[in-house]
């Protein structure tokens, strides 16, 4: 079962790969997407970092960069979600 501690994720996608209201299996559980928005990397605040489970801004930059370089003006998809109890 997922703990629900992480409720936000950031992705460097050309277009969204999930939809609002969609449910997706994640390891041993399921999440439901609450919202998706596009924002520049520099706009990610400390609250979002905490909700994403990242240790800091540079850790998030490195993780997101698997799909390409992430600069302060690079647009990322911010995905907010919650765990769905089975």
Protein backbone atom coordinates (compact mmCIF):
# COMPACT_ATOMS: atom_id res chain seq x y z
CA UNK A 1 0.00 0.00 0.00
CA UNK A 2 1.19 3.53 -0.75
CA UNK A 3 1.67 5.88 2.23
CA UNK A 4 0.20 8.97 0.54
CA UNK A 5 3.10 11.14 1.72
CA UNK A 6 3.99 12.06 -1.87
CA UNK A 7 1.18 13.94 -3.62
CA UNK A 8 2.97 15.89 -6.36
CA UNK A 9 5.20 14.82 -9.24
CA UNK A 10 7.02 16.75 -11.94
CA UNK A 11 7.60 15.45 -15.45
CA UNK A 12 9.40 16.75 -18.53
CA UNK A 13 6.90 15.60 -21.17
CA UNK A 14 6.13 16.95 -24.64
CA UNK A 15 2.46 16.37 -23.75
CA UNK A 16 0.73 14.99 -20.63
CA UNK A 17 0.92 11.23 -20.24
CA UNK A 18 -1.90 11.12 -17.66
CA UNK A 19 -5.38 12.68 -17.45
CA UNK A 20 -7.22 14.42 -14.62
CA UNK A 21 -9.47 11.86 -12.95
CA UNK A 22 -7.44 8.98 -14.37
CA UNK A 23 -6.36 6.17 -12.08
CA UNK A 24 -2.95 4.58 -12.44
CA UNK A 25 -1.20 1.65 -10.78
CA UNK A 26 1.95 2.68 -8.94
CA UNK A 27 3.80 -0.24 -7.44
CA UNK A 28 1.53 -1.82 -4.83
CA UNK A 29 -1.24 0.81 -5.07
CA UNK A 30 -3.30 3.13 -7.21
CA UNK A 31 -3.30 6.91 -7.54
CA UNK A 32 -5.89 9.26 -9.02
CA UNK A 33 -4.82 12.44 -10.81
CA UNK A 34 -6.31 15.62 -9.30
CA UNK A 35 -4.69 18.27 -11.52
CA UNK A 36 -2.06 18.85 -14.17
CA UNK A 37 -0.43 22.19 -14.92
CA UNK A 38 2.55 23.39 -16.90
CA UNK A 39 5.03 25.65 -15.11
CA UNK A 40 8.67 26.72 -15.39
CA UNK A 41 11.17 24.87 -13.21
CA UNK A 42 12.00 28.14 -11.39
CA UNK A 43 8.37 28.39 -10.16
CA UNK A 44 8.58 25.18 -8.13
CA UNK A 45 8.42 26.18 -4.47
CA UNK A 46 9.51 24.51 -1.23
CA UNK A 47 6.01 23.17 -0.55
CA UNK A 48 5.98 21.41 -3.92
CA UNK A 49 9.46 20.00 -3.27
CA UNK A 50 8.29 18.61 0.07
CA UNK A 51 5.10 17.15 -1.47
CA UNK A 52 7.18 15.51 -4.23
CA UNK A 53 9.50 13.79 -1.75
CA UNK A 54 12.58 15.34 -3.35
CA UNK A 55 15.56 16.24 -1.16
CA UNK A 56 15.90 19.62 -2.89
CA UNK A 57 15.62 21.60 -6.10
CA UNK A 58 18.80 20.16 -7.66
CA UNK A 59 17.73 16.59 -6.88
CA UNK A 60 14.46 17.27 -8.70
CA UNK A 61 16.33 18.88 -11.61
CA UNK A 62 18.56 15.77 -11.97
CA UNK A 63 15.61 13.37 -11.82
CA UNK A 64 13.53 15.34 -14.32
CA UNK A 65 16.50 15.71 -16.67
CA UNK A 66 16.34 12.05 -17.75
CA UNK A 67 14.16 13.32 -20.61
CA UNK A 68 16.36 16.31 -21.49
CA UNK A 69 18.09 19.28 -19.88
CA UNK A 70 16.14 21.22 -17.25
CA UNK A 71 16.91 24.93 -16.98
CA UNK A 72 15.07 27.49 -14.84
CA UNK A 73 12.76 28.36 -17.76
CA UNK A 74 12.13 24.73 -18.78
CA UNK A 75 8.42 23.90 -18.59
CA UNK A 76 7.52 20.87 -16.49
CA UNK A 77 4.17 19.20 -15.94
CA UNK A 78 3.14 19.45 -12.27
CA UNK A 79 0.89 16.50 -11.45
CA UNK A 80 -1.07 16.50 -8.21
CA UNK A 81 -2.62 13.20 -7.12
CA UNK A 82 -3.92 11.20 -4.18
CA UNK A 83 -3.79 7.55 -3.23
CA UNK A 84 -6.97 5.59 -3.94
CA UNK A 85 -7.84 3.05 -1.29
CA UNK A 86 -8.64 -0.39 -2.71
